[in-house]
Amino acid sequence: MVLLRGVAAGSFVAAESFVPLMLVTQRGLSPTLAGFSLAAGGATWALGSWVQARARVEPYRERLMTVGMVLVAAAITTLPGVLVDSVPVWTVAVAWAFGCFGMGLVIASTSVLLLQLSAPEEAGTNSASLQISDGLSNALLLAAGGAAFAALGGGAVGQGATTTAAASHPAAFVVVFLPMAGVALVGAWVTTRLRAR
């Protein structure tokens, strides 16, 4: 459960961090519009959390988590397609809405299942492990993605008091998104190993 939380959170956050930059530098959107492309995800994340909390889906929680991780992987895999000019920019918003729904299914479920599997005296320690896995994987995967991005020419160039985004090579984004989609698929595999009872 702890591993799954780290894999899910890390792959999602590392990919999401590069989406606005990609939309600004590759598709010419304003930073505001690029940020709005991720906004619908908040509602679908909440919807995913609500769905997994329904009593009638409790027996299927592990399967819902698998579906959630597959949705996350599919959303991340879709992102590089927007680097092609003929692909509509709104594709990002739609894909990310599905990815956030998947995260809603997974993140809340990891907490629920972890507490179900923990002895009462271990609940605090296990919950802390869950949070550490979340934060540590965010930092490690984002750092790895950032290093790969910079190695392929991604980044920004400062000019006096302003900073303008450089025309990053599209491959710099692909080298972030596709490995993170692979990490999310590893998460989908991890969900098949879960046993709540």
N, C-alpha and C. Protein backbone atom coordinates (compact mmCIF):
# COMPACT_ATOMS: atom_id res chain seq x y z
N MET A 1 0.82 -1.19 0.00
CA MET A 1 0.00 0.00 0.00
C MET A 1 0.86 1.25 0.00
N VAL A 2 1.92 1.21 0.79
CA VAL A 2 2.84 2.35 0.87
C VAL A 2 3.53 2.57 -0.47
N LEU A 3 3.97 1.49 -1.10
CA LEU A 3 4.60 1.59 -2.41
C LEU A 3 3.63 2.17 -3.44
N LEU A 4 2.41 1.68 -3.43
CA LEU A 4 1.41 2.17 -4.39
C LEU A 4 1.18 3.65 -4.24
N ARG A 5 1.08 4.13 -3.01
CA ARG A 5 0.85 5.56 -2.79
C ARG A 5 1.98 6.38 -3.38
N GLY A 6 3.21 5.94 -3.18
CA GLY A 6 4.34 6.67 -3.73
C GLY A 6 4.37 6.66 -5.25
N VAL A 7 4.11 5.50 -5.83
CA VAL A 7 4.12 5.38 -7.29
C VAL A 7 3.02 6.24 -7.91
N ALA A 8 1.83 6.20 -7.32
CA ALA A 8 0.71 6.96 -7.85
C ALA A 8 0.97 8.46 -7.75
N ALA A 9 1.31 8.92 -6.56
CA ALA A 9 1.51 10.35 -6.36
C ALA A 9 2.71 10.87 -7.14
N GLY A 10 3.80 10.13 -7.12
CA GLY A 10 5.01 10.59 -7.80
C GLY A 10 4.85 10.71 -9.30
N SER A 11 4.27 9.70 -9.92
CA SER A 11 4.11 9.75 -11.38
C SER A 11 3.17 10.86 -11.79
N PHE A 12 2.10 11.04 -11.03
CA PHE A 12 1.11 12.06 -11.36
C PHE A 12 1.67 13.46 -11.20
N VAL A 13 2.28 13.73 -10.05
CA VAL A 13 2.79 15.07 -9.77
C VAL A 13 3.94 15.43 -10.71
N ALA A 14 4.82 14.47 -10.98
CA ALA A 14 5.94 14.76 -11.88
C ALA A 14 5.45 15.12 -13.27
N ALA A 15 4.45 14.41 -13.77
CA ALA A 15 3.90 14.73 -15.09
C ALA A 15 3.15 16.06 -15.07
N GLU A 16 2.30 16.24 -14.06
CA GLU A 16 1.48 17.45 -13.99
C GLU A 16 2.32 18.72 -13.94
N SER A 17 3.47 18.64 -13.32
CA SER A 17 4.33 19.82 -13.17
C SER A 17 4.81 20.37 -14.51
N PHE A 18 4.87 19.53 -15.53
CA PHE A 18 5.37 19.97 -16.83
C PHE A 18 4.27 20.35 -17.82
N VAL A 19 3.03 20.09 -17.47
CA VAL A 19 1.93 20.36 -18.41
C VAL A 19 1.81 21.84 -18.75
N PRO A 20 1.72 22.75 -17.76
CA PRO A 20 1.61 24.17 -18.13
C PRO A 20 2.80 24.67 -18.94
N LEU A 21 4.00 24.23 -18.58
CA LEU A 21 5.19 24.65 -19.33
C LEU A 21 5.11 24.20 -20.78
N MET A 22 4.66 22.97 -20.99
CA MET A 22 4.51 22.46 -22.35
C MET A 22 3.51 23.29 -23.14
N LEU A 23 2.38 23.60 -22.52
CA LEU A 23 1.35 24.35 -23.22
C LEU A 23 1.79 25.77 -23.54
N VAL A 24 2.58 26.38 -22.67
CA VAL A 24 3.07 27.74 -22.92
C VAL A 24 4.16 27.74 -23.99
N THR A 25 5.15 26.86 -23.84
CA THR A 25 6.29 26.91 -24.75
C THR A 25 6.04 26.25 -26.10
N GLN A 26 5.20 25.23 -26.13
CA GLN A 26 5.01 24.49 -27.37
C GLN A 26 3.75 24.89 -28.12
N ARG A 27 2.72 25.32 -27.40
CA ARG A 27 1.46 25.64 -28.06
C ARG A 27 1.07 27.11 -27.95
N GLY A 28 1.89 27.91 -27.26
CA GLY A 28 1.68 29.35 -27.22
C GLY A 28 0.55 29.82 -26.33
N LEU A 29 0.07 29.01 -25.41
CA LEU A 29 -0.98 29.46 -24.49
C LEU A 29 -0.41 30.41 -23.46
N SER A 30 -1.27 31.25 -22.92
CA SER A 30 -0.85 32.10 -21.80
C SER A 30 -0.72 31.22 -20.56
N PRO A 31 0.05 31.65 -19.57
CA PRO A 31 0.15 30.85 -18.34
C PRO A 31 -1.22 30.61 -17.69
N THR A 32 -2.11 31.59 -17.78
CA THR A 32 -3.44 31.43 -17.20
C THR A 32 -4.22 30.33 -17.89
N LEU A 33 -4.26 30.36 -19.23
CA LEU A 33 -4.97 29.31 -19.96
C LEU A 33 -4.34 27.95 -19.75
N ALA A 34 -3.02 27.92 -19.69
CA ALA A 34 -2.33 26.65 -19.45
C ALA A 34 -2.73 26.08 -18.09
N GLY A 35 -2.84 26.94 -17.10
CA GLY A 35 -3.27 26.49 -15.77
C GLY A 35 -4.71 26.01 -15.75
N PHE A 36 -5.56 26.71 -16.52
CA PHE A 36 -6.96 26.29 -16.59
C PHE A 36 -7.12 24.90 -17.19
N SER A 37 -6.15 24.48 -17.99
CA SER A 37 -6.25 23.15 -18.60
C SER A 37 -6.25 22.04 -17.55
N LEU A 38 -5.75 22.37 -16.35
CA LEU A 38 -5.70 21.39 -15.27
C LEU A 38 -6.84 21.56 -14.27
N ALA A 39 -7.61 22.65 -14.42
CA ALA A 39 -8.60 23.00 -13.40
C ALA A 39 -9.72 21.99 -13.25
N ALA A 40 -10.20 21.43 -14.35
CA ALA A 40 -11.31 20.47 -14.27
C ALA A 40 -10.92 19.25 -13.44
N GLY A 41 -9.62 19.00 -13.36
CA GLY A 41 -9.16 17.83 -12.61
C GLY A 41 -9.55 17.86 -11.14
N GLY A 42 -9.68 19.04 -10.56
CA GLY A 42 -10.08 19.10 -9.15
C GLY A 42 -11.45 18.50 -8.92
N ALA A 43 -12.37 18.81 -9.82
CA ALA A 43 -13.73 18.27 -9.69
C ALA A 43 -13.76 16.77 -9.92
N THR A 44 -13.02 16.29 -10.92
CA THR A 44 -13.05 14.86 -11.19
C THR A 44 -12.30 14.07 -10.12
N TRP A 45 -11.26 14.66 -9.53
CA TRP A 45 -10.57 14.01 -8.40
C TRP A 45 -11.56 13.82 -7.25
N ALA A 46 -12.32 14.89 -6.95
CA ALA A 46 -13.32 14.79 -5.88
C ALA A 46 -14.37 13.73 -6.23
N LEU A 47 -14.77 13.67 -7.49
CA LEU A 47 -15.74 12.66 -7.92
C LEU A 47 -15.18 11.26 -7.73
N GLY A 48 -13.93 11.05 -8.10
CA GLY A 48 -13.30 9.74 -7.89
C GLY A 48 -13.26 9.35 -6.42
N SER A 49 -12.95 10.31 -5.56
CA SER A 49 -12.92 10.05 -4.12
C SER A 49 -14.32 9.69 -3.61
N TRP A 50 -15.32 10.39 -4.14
CA TRP A 50 -16.70 10.11 -3.73
C TRP A 50 -17.11 8.70 -4.18
N VAL A 51 -16.77 8.35 -5.41
CA VAL A 51 -17.13 7.03 -5.94
C VAL A 51 -16.53 5.92 -5.08
N GLN A 52 -15.24 6.03 -4.75
CA GLN A 52 -14.61 4.95 -4.00
C GLN A 52 -15.15 4.85 -2.58
N ALA A 53 -15.82 5.89 -2.09
CA ALA A 53 -16.35 5.87 -0.73
C ALA A 53 -17.74 5.25 -0.64
N ARG A 54 -18.35 4.94 -1.76
CA ARG A 54 -19.69 4.36 -1.74
C ARG A 54 -19.64 2.93 -1.20
N ALA A 55 -20.59 2.61 -0.34
CA ALA A 55 -20.62 1.29 0.30
C ALA A 55 -20.74 0.16 -0.72
N ARG A 56 -21.47 0.38 -1.79
CA ARG A 56 -21.69 -0.70 -2.76
C ARG A 56 -20.44 -1.05 -3.57
N VAL A 57 -19.44 -0.15 -3.60
CA VAL A 57 -18.21 -0.46 -4.34
C VAL A 57 -17.11 -0.99 -3.42
N GLU A 58 -17.37 -1.05 -2.14
CA GLU A 58 -16.37 -1.54 -1.18
C GLU A 58 -15.79 -2.90 -1.57
N PRO A 59 -16.59 -3.88 -2.00
CA PRO A 59 -16.01 -5.18 -2.37
C PRO A 59 -15.10 -5.11 -3.60
N TYR A 60 -15.19 -4.04 -4.36
CA TYR A 60 -14.43 -3.91 -5.60
C TYR A 60 -13.32 -2.87 -5.50
N ARG A 61 -12.97 -2.47 -4.28
CA ARG A 61 -12.01 -1.39 -4.09
C ARG A 61 -10.68 -1.64 -4.81
N GLU A 62 -10.16 -2.86 -4.69
CA GLU A 62 -8.87 -3.14 -5.33
C GLU A 62 -8.97 -3.01 -6.85
N ARG A 63 -10.08 -3.45 -7.42
CA ARG A 63 -10.26 -3.32 -8.88
C ARG A 63 -10.41 -1.85 -9.28
N LEU A 64 -11.10 -1.09 -8.45
CA LEU A 64 -11.23 0.35 -8.73
C LEU A 64 -9.87 1.03 -8.72
N MET A 65 -9.00 0.58 -7.84
CA MET A 65 -7.65 1.15 -7.79
C MET A 65 -6.87 0.81 -9.06
N THR A 66 -7.06 -0.39 -9.56
CA THR A 66 -6.41 -0.76 -10.82
C THR A 66 -6.91 0.13 -11.95
N VAL A 67 -8.23 0.30 -12.01
CA VAL A 67 -8.81 1.19 -13.03
C VAL A 67 -8.25 2.59 -12.88
N GLY A 68 -8.15 3.05 -11.64
CA GLY A 68 -7.62 4.38 -11.38
C GLY A 68 -6.20 4.56 -11.90
N MET A 69 -5.34 3.59 -11.64
CA MET A 69 -3.95 3.70 -12.10
C MET A 69 -3.85 3.60 -13.62
N VAL A 70 -4.72 2.81 -14.24
CA VAL A 70 -4.73 2.74 -15.70
C VAL A 70 -5.17 4.09 -16.28
N LEU A 71 -6.16 4.72 -15.66
CA LEU A 71 -6.58 6.05 -16.11
C LEU A 71 -5.45 7.07 -15.98
N VAL A 72 -4.72 7.01 -14.88
CA VAL A 72 -3.58 7.92 -14.69
C VAL A 72 -2.53 7.68 -15.78
N ALA A 73 -2.19 6.43 -16.02
CA ALA A 73 -1.20 6.10 -17.05
C ALA A 73 -1.67 6.56 -18.43
N ALA A 74 -2.95 6.34 -18.74
CA ALA A 74 -3.48 6.75 -20.04
C ALA A 74 -3.46 8.27 -20.18
N ALA A 75 -3.80 8.99 -19.12
CA ALA A 75 -3.79 10.45 -19.18
C ALA A 75 -2.38 10.97 -19.43
N ILE A 76 -1.40 10.42 -18.73
CA ILE A 76 -0.02 10.87 -18.91
C ILE A 76 0.47 10.52 -20.31
N THR A 77 0.10 9.34 -20.80
CA THR A 77 0.51 8.92 -22.14
C THR A 77 -0.07 9.83 -23.22
N THR A 78 -1.24 10.39 -22.98
CA THR A 78 -1.89 11.27 -23.95
C THR A 78 -1.17 12.61 -24.09
N LEU A 79 -0.51 13.06 -23.04
CA LEU A 79 0.08 14.40 -23.03
C LEU A 79 1.02 14.70 -24.19
N PRO A 80 1.96 13.81 -24.55
CA PRO A 80 2.87 14.15 -25.65
C PRO A 80 2.16 14.36 -26.98
N GLY A 81 0.96 13.82 -27.14
CA GLY A 81 0.22 14.02 -28.38
C GLY A 81 -0.06 15.48 -28.67
N VAL A 82 -0.17 16.29 -27.62
CA VAL A 82 -0.47 17.71 -27.78
C VAL A 82 0.73 18.46 -28.37
N LEU A 83 1.88 17.83 -28.41
CA LEU A 83 3.04 18.45 -29.05
C LEU A 83 2.86 18.53 -30.56
N VAL A 84 1.94 17.76 -31.10
CA VAL A 84 1.62 17.80 -32.53
C VAL A 84 0.58 18.90 -32.74
N ASP A 85 0.88 19.85 -33.61
CA ASP A 85 0.02 21.02 -33.79
C ASP A 85 -1.40 20.68 -34.21
N SER A 86 -1.60 19.59 -34.89
CA SER A 86 -2.95 19.24 -35.35
C SER A 86 -3.83 18.67 -34.23
N VAL A 87 -3.24 18.33 -33.10
CA VAL A 87 -4.01 17.81 -31.96
C VAL A 87 -4.54 19.00 -31.16
N PRO A 88 -5.84 19.06 -30.91
CA PRO A 88 -6.40 20.19 -30.17
C PRO A 88 -5.83 20.31 -28.76
N VAL A 89 -5.61 21.54 -28.33
CA VAL A 89 -5.04 21.78 -27.00
C VAL A 89 -5.98 21.30 -25.90
N TRP A 90 -7.29 21.35 -26.15
CA TRP A 90 -8.23 20.93 -25.11
C TRP A 90 -8.12 19.44 -24.78
N THR A 91 -7.39 18.70 -25.60
CA THR A 91 -7.16 17.28 -25.32
C THR A 91 -6.51 17.10 -23.94
N VAL A 92 -5.64 18.04 -23.58
CA VAL A 92 -4.97 17.97 -22.28
C VAL A 92 -6.00 18.02 -21.15
N ALA A 93 -6.95 18.96 -21.24
CA ALA A 93 -7.94 19.11 -20.18
C ALA A 93 -8.79 17.85 -20.04
N VAL A 94 -9.18 17.27 -21.15
CA VAL A 94 -10.01 16.05 -21.11
C VAL A 94 -9.20 14.89 -20.52
N ALA A 95 -7.99 14.70 -21.02
CA ALA A 95 -7.15 13.61 -20.52
C ALA A 95 -6.87 13.78 -19.03
N TRP A 96 -6.58 15.00 -18.64
CA TRP A 96 -6.23 15.23 -17.23
C TRP A 96 -7.43 15.06 -16.32
N ALA A 97 -8.61 15.37 -16.82
CA ALA A 97 -9.82 15.13 -16.02
C ALA A 97 -9.98 13.64 -15.72
N PHE A 98 -9.72 12.80 -16.71
CA PHE A 98 -9.79 11.35 -16.48
C PHE A 98 -8.67 10.89 -15.54
N GLY A 99 -7.47 11.44 -15.72
CA GLY A 99 -6.37 11.09 -14.83
C GLY A 99 -6.65 11.47 -13.39
N CYS A 100 -7.25 12.63 -13.19
CA CYS A 100 -7.58 13.07 -11.83
C CYS A 100 -8.68 12.20 -11.22
N PHE A 101 -9.63 11.77 -12.04
CA PHE A 101 -10.65 10.84 -11.55
C PHE A 101 -9.97 9.57 -11.05
N GLY A 102 -9.00 9.08 -11.81
CA GLY A 102 -8.25 7.89 -11.39
C GLY A 102 -7.51 8.12 -10.09
N MET A 103 -6.92 9.31 -9.94
CA MET A 103 -6.22 9.61 -8.68
C MET A 103 -7.19 9.66 -7.51
N GLY A 104 -8.39 10.17 -7.75
CA GLY A 104 -9.39 10.17 -6.70
C GLY A 104 -9.73 8.77 -6.23
N LEU A 105 -9.78 7.84 -7.18
CA LEU A 105 -10.05 6.44 -6.82
C LEU A 105 -8.89 5.84 -6.02
N VAL A 106 -7.67 6.19 -6.39
CA VAL A 106 -6.50 5.53 -5.82
C VAL A 106 -6.06 6.13 -4.49
N ILE A 107 -5.90 7.44 -4.43
CA ILE A 107 -5.30 8.05 -3.25
C ILE A 107 -6.16 7.84 -2.01
N ALA A 108 -7.46 8.09 -2.12
CA ALA A 108 -8.33 7.88 -0.95
C ALA A 108 -8.36 6.40 -0.57
N SER A 109 -8.37 5.53 -1.56
CA SER A 109 -8.43 4.09 -1.28
C SER A 109 -7.19 3.58 -0.58
N THR A 110 -6.02 4.15 -0.90
CA THR A 110 -4.81 3.68 -0.21
C THR A 110 -4.90 3.97 1.27
N SER A 111 -5.44 5.12 1.63
CA SER A 111 -5.59 5.44 3.05
C SER A 111 -6.57 4.50 3.73
N VAL A 112 -7.70 4.26 3.08
CA VAL A 112 -8.72 3.38 3.66
C VAL A 112 -8.17 1.96 3.84
N LEU A 113 -7.57 1.41 2.80
CA LEU A 113 -7.08 0.04 2.88
C LEU A 113 -5.92 -0.08 3.87
N LEU A 114 -5.07 0.93 3.91
CA LEU A 114 -3.95 0.87 4.85
C LEU A 114 -4.47 0.77 6.28
N LEU A 115 -5.48 1.55 6.61
CA LEU A 115 -6.02 1.50 7.96
C LEU A 115 -6.77 0.20 8.22
N GLN A 116 -7.42 -0.35 7.21
CA GLN A 116 -8.08 -1.65 7.38
C GLN A 116 -7.06 -2.76 7.65
N LEU A 117 -5.91 -2.67 7.02
CA LEU A 117 -4.89 -3.71 7.15
C LEU A 117 -4.00 -3.54 8.39
N SER A 118 -4.08 -2.37 9.02
CA SER A 118 -3.19 -2.08 10.15
C SER A 118 -3.81 -2.49 11.47
N ALA A 119 -2.99 -3.06 12.31
CA ALA A 119 -3.41 -3.28 13.69
C ALA A 119 -3.58 -1.90 14.34
N PRO A 120 -4.48 -1.76 15.31
CA PRO A 120 -4.72 -0.43 15.90
C PRO A 120 -3.45 0.26 16.40
N GLU A 121 -2.55 -0.51 16.98
CA GLU A 121 -1.32 0.11 17.51
C GLU A 121 -0.32 0.48 16.41
N GLU A 122 -0.56 0.02 15.18
CA GLU A 122 0.35 0.34 14.07
C GLU A 122 -0.23 1.38 13.11
N ALA A 123 -1.46 1.81 13.34
CA ALA A 123 -2.12 2.71 12.40
C ALA A 123 -1.36 4.03 12.21
N GLY A 124 -0.87 4.60 13.29
CA GLY A 124 -0.14 5.87 13.19
C GLY A 124 1.16 5.73 12.42
N THR A 125 1.91 4.70 12.74
CA THR A 125 3.18 4.46 12.05
C THR A 125 2.96 4.19 10.57
N ASN A 126 1.96 3.38 10.26
CA ASN A 126 1.69 3.06 8.86
C ASN A 126 1.18 4.28 8.09
N SER A 127 0.35 5.10 8.72
CA SER A 127 -0.12 6.32 8.07
C SER A 127 1.03 7.27 7.79
N ALA A 128 1.96 7.36 8.73
CA ALA A 128 3.13 8.20 8.51
C ALA A 128 3.97 7.67 7.36
N SER A 129 4.09 6.36 7.26
CA SER A 129 4.84 5.76 6.14
C SER A 129 4.18 6.09 4.81
N LEU A 130 2.86 6.10 4.79
CA LEU A 130 2.11 6.44 3.59
C LEU A 130 2.43 7.87 3.15
N GLN A 131 2.43 8.79 4.10
CA GLN A 131 2.69 10.19 3.78
C GLN A 131 4.15 10.41 3.35
N ILE A 132 5.06 9.71 3.99
CA ILE A 132 6.47 9.83 3.61
C ILE A 132 6.68 9.30 2.20
N SER A 133 6.05 8.17 1.89
CA SER A 133 6.15 7.62 0.54
C SER A 133 5.63 8.61 -0.50
N ASP A 134 4.51 9.24 -0.19
CA ASP A 134 3.91 10.24 -1.07
C ASP A 134 4.88 11.38 -1.34
N GLY A 135 5.37 12.01 -0.27
CA GLY A 135 6.27 13.17 -0.42
C GLY A 135 7.60 12.81 -1.03
N LEU A 136 8.18 11.70 -0.62
CA LEU A 136 9.49 11.31 -1.12
C LEU A 136 9.45 10.96 -2.60
N SER A 137 8.41 10.24 -3.01
CA SER A 137 8.32 9.88 -4.43
C SER A 137 8.04 11.11 -5.29
N ASN A 138 7.25 12.06 -4.76
CA ASN A 138 7.04 13.31 -5.49
C ASN A 138 8.38 13.98 -5.77
N ALA A 139 9.19 14.11 -4.72
CA ALA A 139 10.47 14.79 -4.87
C ALA A 139 11.42 14.03 -5.80
N LEU A 140 11.52 12.72 -5.62
CA LEU A 140 12.47 11.94 -6.42
C LEU A 140 12.08 11.88 -7.90
N LEU A 141 10.80 11.61 -8.18
CA LEU A 141 10.40 11.50 -9.58
C LEU A 141 10.38 12.87 -10.28
N LEU A 142 10.03 13.91 -9.55
CA LEU A 142 10.08 15.24 -10.14
C LEU A 142 11.51 15.66 -10.42
N ALA A 143 12.42 15.32 -9.51
CA ALA A 143 13.84 15.62 -9.75
C ALA A 143 14.38 14.84 -10.94
N ALA A 144 14.02 13.57 -11.03
CA ALA A 144 14.48 12.76 -12.17
C ALA A 144 13.91 13.30 -13.48
N GLY A 145 12.62 13.63 -13.47
CA GLY A 145 12.01 14.20 -14.67
C GLY A 145 12.63 15.53 -15.04
N GLY A 146 12.89 16.36 -14.05
CA GLY A 146 13.51 17.66 -14.30
C GLY A 146 14.93 17.53 -14.86
N ALA A 147 15.67 16.57 -14.35
CA ALA A 147 17.03 16.35 -14.85
C ALA A 147 17.00 15.87 -16.31
N ALA A 148 16.08 14.96 -16.62
CA ALA A 148 15.96 14.48 -18.00
C ALA A 148 15.50 15.61 -18.92
N PHE A 149 14.58 16.42 -18.44
CA PHE A 149 14.08 17.56 -19.21
C PHE A 149 15.20 18.54 -19.52
N ALA A 150 15.99 18.88 -18.51
CA ALA A 150 17.10 19.82 -18.70
C ALA A 150 18.17 19.24 -19.62
N ALA A 151 18.42 17.94 -19.51
CA ALA A 151 19.43 17.30 -20.34
C ALA A 151 19.09 17.37 -21.82
N LEU A 152 17.79 17.43 -22.15
CA LEU A 152 17.37 17.52 -23.55
C LEU A 152 17.02 18.94 -23.98
N GLY A 153 17.49 19.92 -23.23
CA GLY A 153 17.33 21.30 -23.65
C GLY A 153 16.10 22.01 -23.17
N GLY A 154 15.39 21.45 -22.21
CA GLY A 154 14.24 22.15 -21.67
C GLY A 154 14.68 23.23 -20.70
N GLY A 155 13.83 24.22 -20.48
CA GLY A 155 14.15 25.23 -19.49
C GLY A 155 13.73 26.61 -19.90
N ALA A 156 14.19 27.60 -19.15
CA ALA A 156 13.85 29.00 -19.41
C ALA A 156 15.13 29.82 -19.44
N VAL A 157 15.09 30.91 -20.19
CA VAL A 157 16.23 31.79 -20.33
C VAL A 157 15.87 33.13 -19.70
N GLY A 158 16.67 33.60 -18.74
CA GLY A 158 16.41 34.90 -18.12
C GLY A 158 16.91 36.03 -18.99
N GLN A 159 16.11 37.11 -19.10
CA GLN A 159 16.50 38.29 -19.87
C GLN A 159 16.20 39.52 -19.04
N GLY A 160 17.18 40.02 -18.33
CA GLY A 160 16.97 41.20 -17.51
C GLY A 160 16.00 40.92 -16.38
N ALA A 161 14.99 41.80 -16.26
CA ALA A 161 14.02 41.67 -15.17
C ALA A 161 12.95 40.64 -15.47
N THR A 162 12.86 40.21 -16.73
CA THR A 162 11.83 39.24 -17.09
C THR A 162 12.48 37.92 -17.45
N THR A 163 11.68 36.90 -17.38
CA THR A 163 12.12 35.58 -17.81
C THR A 163 11.17 35.10 -18.87
N THR A 164 11.71 34.72 -20.01
CA THR A 164 10.86 34.21 -21.08
C THR A 164 11.15 32.74 -21.27
N ALA A 165 10.14 32.01 -21.60
CA ALA A 165 10.31 30.57 -21.79
C ALA A 165 11.07 30.32 -23.09
N ALA A 166 12.05 29.47 -23.01
CA ALA A 166 12.80 29.10 -24.20
C ALA A 166 11.99 28.11 -25.02
N ALA A 167 12.30 28.03 -26.27
CA ALA A 167 11.64 27.05 -27.13
C ALA A 167 12.26 25.69 -26.86
N SER A 168 11.74 25.00 -25.87
CA SER A 168 12.27 23.70 -25.49
C SER A 168 12.00 22.70 -26.61
N HIS A 169 12.91 21.78 -26.75
CA HIS A 169 12.73 20.73 -27.75
C HIS A 169 11.59 19.83 -27.29
N PRO A 170 10.67 19.47 -28.18
CA PRO A 170 9.55 18.61 -27.78
C PRO A 170 9.99 17.30 -27.12
N ALA A 171 11.13 16.77 -27.53
CA ALA A 171 11.60 15.52 -26.93
C ALA A 171 11.86 15.66 -25.44
N ALA A 172 12.14 16.89 -24.98
CA ALA A 172 12.37 17.11 -23.55
C ALA A 172 11.10 16.81 -22.76
N PHE A 173 9.95 17.10 -23.33
CA PHE A 173 8.68 16.78 -22.65
C PHE A 173 8.36 15.30 -22.75
N VAL A 174 8.61 14.73 -23.90
CA VAL A 174 8.33 13.29 -24.08
C VAL A 174 9.13 12.47 -23.09
N VAL A 175 10.38 12.87 -22.85
CA VAL A 175 11.25 12.10 -21.95
C VAL A 175 10.82 12.24 -20.49
N VAL A 176 9.93 13.18 -20.21
CA VAL A 176 9.34 13.26 -18.88
C VAL A 176 8.05 12.44 -18.83
N PHE A 177 7.18 12.67 -19.80
CA PHE A 177 5.84 12.08 -19.74
C PHE A 177 5.83 10.56 -19.89
N LEU A 178 6.54 10.02 -20.85
CA LEU A 178 6.44 8.58 -21.09
C LEU A 178 7.01 7.74 -19.96
N PRO A 179 8.15 8.10 -19.36
CA PRO A 179 8.59 7.31 -18.20
C PRO A 179 7.61 7.40 -17.02
N MET A 180 6.99 8.56 -16.83
CA MET A 180 6.02 8.69 -15.73
C MET A 180 4.78 7.84 -16.01
N ALA A 181 4.39 7.73 -17.29
CA ALA A 181 3.29 6.83 -17.64
C ALA A 181 3.69 5.39 -17.33
N GLY A 182 4.95 5.04 -17.57
CA GLY A 182 5.44 3.71 -17.23
C GLY A 182 5.40 3.46 -15.73
N VAL A 183 5.76 4.47 -14.94
CA VAL A 183 5.69 4.34 -13.48
C VAL A 183 4.24 4.12 -13.04
N ALA A 184 3.31 4.85 -13.67
CA ALA A 184 1.89 4.67 -13.34
C ALA A 184 1.42 3.25 -13.69
N LEU A 185 1.92 2.70 -14.79
CA LEU A 185 1.57 1.32 -15.13
C LEU A 185 2.13 0.32 -14.11
N VAL A 186 3.30 0.62 -13.57
CA VAL A 186 3.82 -0.19 -12.47
C VAL A 186 2.85 -0.14 -11.30
N GLY A 187 2.30 1.05 -11.05
CA GLY A 187 1.29 1.19 -10.00
C GLY A 187 0.07 0.34 -10.27
N ALA A 188 -0.35 0.28 -11.53
CA ALA A 188 -1.50 -0.57 -11.88
C ALA A 188 -1.19 -2.03 -11.57
N TRP A 189 0.05 -2.46 -11.85
CA TRP A 189 0.45 -3.83 -11.52
C TRP A 189 0.45 -4.04 -10.00
N VAL A 190 0.94 -3.05 -9.26
CA VAL A 190 0.97 -3.17 -7.79
C VAL A 190 -0.45 -3.37 -7.24
N THR A 191 -1.43 -2.70 -7.84
CA THR A 191 -2.81 -2.85 -7.35
C THR A 191 -3.31 -4.28 -7.49
N THR A 192 -2.78 -5.01 -8.44
CA THR A 192 -3.23 -6.40 -8.62
C THR A 192 -2.67 -7.31 -7.52
N ARG A 193 -1.71 -6.80 -6.74
CA ARG A 193 -1.10 -7.58 -5.65
C ARG A 193 -1.76 -7.28 -4.31
N LEU A 194 -2.72 -6.37 -4.28
CA LEU A 194 -3.34 -5.97 -3.01
C LEU A 194 -4.35 -6.99 -2.54
N ARG A 195 -4.39 -7.17 -1.24
CA ARG A 195 -5.40 -8.01 -0.63
C ARG A 195 -5.89 -7.28 0.60
N ALA A 196 -7.14 -6.81 0.56
CA ALA A 196 -7.66 -6.05 1.69
C ALA A 196 -8.06 -6.95 2.87
N ARG A 197 -8.34 -8.20 2.61
CA ARG A 197 -8.81 -9.08 3.67
C ARG A 197 -7.96 -10.33 3.74
